[in-house]
């Protein structure tokens, strides 16, 4: 009997040694998960801080670019409008094209010869050039005619401007090399129409060509917004 109870007692002792060891193992595993979680949160926090710095830097570049463009062109006799939010340069197509045509007027060459160097002197000067991903020439039309007709017209107008700037007739050859790496041409048909001061659709204001820029890190900004939302 004593032997039997002795064995049972020994078995209970052995079980007692086993279960604390198993509990310790679970505790260690839990602590590992906690440490991993903390490490991930720290990494995430550092990423967010870095992206916040990037946002501040990029927004500062955009703001300064827009300010420089407004300083250069807001009071210009060339009839140019500067979008105060995006920095897009907007001018009525009457400056460049006859109504419903895509061939440049003769007098438009002088206009482009004056405008383009001033515009690119700002965009591509030291401190900005490394941020510029694209320079976009964008054509827009009014609502006269079908969507596809105006799509072709707007595209051809934007292309005509780009073609001249990159042609042998354009006097500033040093500019052309920079543009070849960054220039994009778009036609928007009448999708992005404009309104007058009373908020009504304006065919005259809708017929226009815009020079726009896109910053290299806008993709980073978009990813940052997604992370911050999470």
Protein backbone atom coordinates (compact mmCIF):
# COMPACT_ATOMS: atom_id res chain seq x y z
CA UNK A 1 0.00 0.00 0.00
CA UNK A 2 2.75 2.35 0.96
CA UNK A 3 4.42 1.60 -2.32
CA UNK A 4 1.25 2.28 -4.24
CA UNK A 5 0.67 5.65 -2.55
CA UNK A 6 4.30 6.49 -2.92
CA UNK A 7 4.00 5.97 -6.67
CA UNK A 8 0.87 8.11 -6.91
CA UNK A 9 2.57 10.85 -4.92
CA UNK A 10 5.59 10.71 -7.16
CA UNK A 11 3.38 10.91 -10.25
CA UNK A 12 1.65 14.02 -8.86
CA UNK A 13 5.06 15.56 -8.24
CA UNK A 14 6.11 14.79 -11.80
CA UNK A 15 2.88 16.32 -13.16
CA UNK A 16 3.47 19.35 -11.01
CA UNK A 17 6.90 19.81 -12.58
CA UNK A 18 5.42 19.46 -16.08
CA UNK A 19 2.57 22.00 -15.86
CA UNK A 20 4.60 24.93 -14.50
CA UNK A 21 7.08 24.33 -17.31
CA UNK A 22 4.29 24.39 -19.90
CA UNK A 23 2.87 27.58 -18.36
CA UNK A 24 6.29 29.19 -18.51
CA UNK A 25 6.51 28.27 -22.19
CA UNK A 26 3.15 29.90 -22.90
CA UNK A 27 4.27 33.00 -21.01
CA UNK A 28 7.45 33.21 -23.06
CA UNK A 29 5.49 32.85 -26.31
CA UNK A 30 3.06 35.57 -25.21
CA UNK A 31 5.94 37.87 -24.27
CA UNK A 32 7.50 37.27 -27.68
CA UNK A 33 4.27 38.27 -29.40
CA UNK A 34 4.05 41.38 -27.23
CA UNK A 35 7.65 42.34 -28.04
CA UNK A 36 7.05 41.77 -31.77
CA UNK A 37 3.90 43.90 -31.60
CA UNK A 38 5.73 46.69 -29.79
CA UNK A 39 8.56 46.56 -32.32
CA UNK A 40 6.08 46.74 -35.21
CA UNK A 41 4.34 49.73 -33.62
CA UNK A 42 7.67 51.50 -33.17
CA UNK A 43 8.61 50.84 -36.79
CA UNK A 44 5.17 52.01 -37.94
CA UNK A 45 5.50 55.14 -35.84
CA UNK A 46 8.92 55.91 -37.33
CA UNK A 47 7.54 55.36 -40.84
CA UNK A 48 4.66 57.75 -40.18
CA UNK A 49 7.01 60.39 -38.77
CA UNK A 50 9.27 60.07 -41.81
CA UNK A 51 6.30 60.35 -44.15
CA UNK A 52 5.01 63.37 -42.24
CA UNK A 53 8.38 65.02 -42.85
CA UNK A 54 8.09 64.10 -46.52
CA UNK A 55 4.62 65.63 -46.70
CA UNK A 56 5.83 68.84 -45.09
CA UNK A 57 8.78 68.98 -47.48
CA UNK A 58 6.74 68.31 -50.62
CA UNK A 59 3.94 70.65 -49.62
CA UNK A 60 6.55 73.30 -48.96
CA UNK A 61 8.02 72.82 -52.44
CA UNK A 62 4.57 73.00 -54.08
CA UNK A 63 3.62 76.09 -52.10
CA UNK A 64 6.86 77.86 -53.00
CA UNK A 65 6.53 76.86 -56.66
CA UNK A 66 2.99 78.24 -56.84
CA UNK A 67 4.14 81.43 -55.14
CA UNK A 68 7.04 81.87 -57.60
CA UNK A 69 4.74 81.28 -60.58
CA UNK A 70 2.24 83.81 -59.29
CA UNK A 71 4.99 86.36 -58.74
CA UNK A 72 6.23 85.87 -62.31
CA UNK A 73 2.93 85.72 -64.20
CA UNK A 74 0.07 87.21 -62.18
CA UNK A 75 0.64 90.75 -63.45
CA UNK A 76 1.96 89.65 -66.83
CA UNK A 77 0.61 91.40 -69.96
CA UNK A 78 0.58 87.96 -71.62
CA UNK A 79 -2.95 87.22 -70.38
CA UNK A 80 -1.91 84.28 -68.18
CA UNK A 81 -3.80 82.93 -65.18
CA UNK A 82 -2.09 80.98 -62.39
CA UNK A 83 -4.18 78.51 -60.40
CA UNK A 84 -3.45 79.44 -56.79
CA UNK A 85 -3.82 75.86 -55.54
CA UNK A 86 -2.14 73.71 -58.20
CA UNK A 87 0.15 76.20 -59.93
CA UNK A 88 -1.35 75.35 -63.33
CA UNK A 89 -0.75 78.03 -65.97
CA UNK A 90 -3.95 78.73 -67.90
CA UNK A 91 -4.40 80.76 -71.03
CA UNK A 92 -7.27 81.05 -73.46
CA UNK A 93 -6.72 79.19 -76.71
CA UNK A 94 -7.52 82.37 -78.67
CA UNK A 95 -3.93 83.34 -77.91
CA UNK A 96 -2.68 80.29 -79.78
CA UNK A 97 -5.34 78.97 -82.17
CA UNK A 98 -8.13 80.14 -84.43
CA UNK A 99 -11.56 78.92 -83.33
CA UNK A 100 -12.07 75.17 -83.89
CA UNK A 101 -8.54 74.69 -85.29
CA UNK A 102 -5.39 73.07 -83.99
CA UNK A 103 -2.75 74.84 -86.10
CA UNK A 104 -0.87 77.52 -84.20
CA UNK A 105 -1.34 81.15 -85.19
CA UNK A 106 1.77 82.89 -86.50
CA UNK A 107 1.78 85.32 -83.57
CA UNK A 108 1.57 82.46 -81.08
CA UNK A 109 5.19 81.51 -81.75
CA UNK A 110 6.41 84.74 -80.20
CA UNK A 111 4.09 84.19 -77.24
CA UNK A 112 5.53 80.71 -76.62
CA UNK A 113 9.08 81.98 -77.14
CA UNK A 114 8.49 84.42 -74.28
CA UNK A 115 6.40 82.24 -71.99
CA UNK A 116 8.14 78.85 -72.06
CA UNK A 117 11.63 80.02 -70.96
CA UNK A 118 10.18 82.01 -68.07
CA UNK A 119 8.01 79.08 -67.00
CA UNK A 120 10.80 76.52 -67.14
CA UNK A 121 13.29 78.84 -65.49
CA UNK A 122 11.10 78.54 -62.40
CA UNK A 123 10.21 74.84 -62.61
CA UNK A 124 13.67 73.58 -63.47
CA UNK A 125 15.81 75.89 -61.41
CA UNK A 126 18.05 74.58 -58.63
CA UNK A 127 16.04 73.27 -55.70
CA UNK A 128 12.94 72.40 -57.73
CA UNK A 129 14.09 70.28 -60.66
CA UNK A 130 14.70 67.14 -58.60
CA UNK A 131 11.07 67.20 -57.46
CA UNK A 132 9.49 67.61 -60.92
CA UNK A 133 8.26 64.30 -62.36
CA UNK A 134 6.25 65.64 -65.30
CA UNK A 135 5.53 68.84 -67.16
CA UNK A 136 2.11 68.48 -68.75
CA UNK A 137 0.60 70.38 -71.66
CA UNK A 138 -3.15 69.91 -71.51
CA UNK A 139 -5.75 70.90 -74.09
CA UNK A 140 -9.39 71.74 -73.24
CA UNK A 141 -12.38 72.62 -75.42
CA UNK A 142 -15.90 73.93 -75.11
CA UNK A 143 -19.02 71.77 -75.54
CA UNK A 144 -19.56 72.47 -79.23
CA UNK A 145 -19.48 69.15 -81.08
CA UNK A 146 -19.24 65.58 -79.81
CA UNK A 147 -17.03 64.35 -77.00
CA UNK A 148 -14.73 62.44 -79.36
CA UNK A 149 -14.45 65.36 -81.79
CA UNK A 150 -13.38 67.61 -78.93
CA UNK A 151 -11.09 64.94 -77.55
CA UNK A 152 -9.20 64.91 -80.84
CA UNK A 153 -9.19 68.71 -81.07
CA UNK A 154 -7.91 69.17 -77.52
CA UNK A 155 -5.23 66.52 -78.02
CA UNK A 156 -4.09 68.02 -81.33
CA UNK A 157 -3.87 71.50 -79.81
CA UNK A 158 -1.74 70.31 -76.91
CA UNK A 159 0.40 68.32 -79.35
CA UNK A 160 0.88 71.38 -81.61
CA UNK A 161 2.25 73.36 -78.67
CA UNK A 162 4.61 70.55 -77.68
CA UNK A 163 5.68 69.96 -81.26
CA UNK A 164 6.75 73.59 -81.70
CA UNK A 165 8.60 73.72 -78.38
CA UNK A 166 10.59 70.61 -79.34
CA UNK A 167 11.11 71.65 -82.98
CA UNK A 168 14.20 73.12 -84.66
CA UNK A 169 12.35 76.44 -84.92
CA UNK A 170 12.22 76.91 -81.15
CA UNK A 171 15.16 79.19 -80.26
CA UNK A 172 16.02 77.75 -76.83
CA UNK A 173 17.72 74.44 -77.55
CA UNK A 174 19.01 74.02 -73.99
CA UNK A 175 15.40 73.84 -72.75
CA UNK A 176 14.45 71.06 -75.12
CA UNK A 177 16.73 68.48 -73.55
CA UNK A 178 15.13 68.98 -70.14
CA UNK A 179 11.65 68.76 -71.62
CA UNK A 180 12.23 65.52 -73.47
CA UNK A 181 12.61 63.70 -70.17
CA UNK A 182 9.53 65.21 -68.54
CA UNK A 183 7.00 66.41 -71.11
CA UNK A 184 3.54 64.79 -71.37
CA UNK A 185 0.70 65.85 -73.67
CA UNK A 186 -2.98 65.35 -72.78
CA UNK A 187 -6.35 66.15 -74.34
CA UNK A 188 -9.34 66.51 -72.00
CA UNK A 189 -12.14 67.26 -74.47
CA UNK A 190 -14.83 69.29 -72.63
CA UNK A 191 -14.84 67.23 -69.42
CA UNK A 192 -13.14 69.89 -67.31
CA UNK A 193 -15.19 72.92 -68.35
CA UNK A 194 -14.98 76.30 -66.64
CA UNK A 195 -17.59 78.72 -65.32
CA UNK A 196 -17.82 82.51 -65.25
CA UNK A 197 -18.00 84.76 -62.18
CA UNK A 198 -21.70 83.94 -61.73
CA UNK A 199 -21.08 80.19 -61.73
CA UNK A 200 -22.53 79.55 -65.19
CA UNK A 201 -20.81 77.49 -67.88
CA UNK A 202 -18.46 79.59 -70.01
CA UNK A 203 -17.55 78.31 -73.46
CA UNK A 204 -14.86 80.97 -73.89
CA UNK A 205 -13.14 80.16 -70.61
CA UNK A 206 -13.40 76.43 -71.26
CA UNK A 207 -11.36 76.74 -74.48
CA UNK A 208 -7.86 76.80 -73.09
CA UNK A 209 -4.42 75.24 -72.85
CA UNK A 210 -2.81 74.55 -69.49
CA UNK A 211 0.79 73.99 -68.48
CA UNK A 212 0.90 71.84 -65.33
CA UNK A 213 3.51 70.04 -63.28
CA UNK A 214 3.47 66.85 -61.25
CA UNK A 215 5.83 66.30 -58.35
CA UNK A 216 7.77 63.04 -58.09
CA UNK A 217 6.67 62.29 -54.56
CA UNK A 218 2.91 62.60 -55.06
CA UNK A 219 2.82 58.78 -55.06
CA UNK A 220 4.49 58.83 -51.64
CA UNK A 221 1.97 61.38 -50.42
CA UNK A 222 -0.90 59.16 -51.53
CA UNK A 223 0.61 56.15 -49.77
CA UNK A 224 1.14 58.28 -46.68
CA UNK A 225 -2.50 59.32 -46.63
CA UNK A 226 -3.50 55.66 -46.74
CA UNK A 227 -1.20 54.78 -43.84
CA UNK A 228 -2.39 57.73 -41.74
CA UNK A 229 -6.01 56.72 -42.37
CA UNK A 230 -5.22 53.23 -41.11
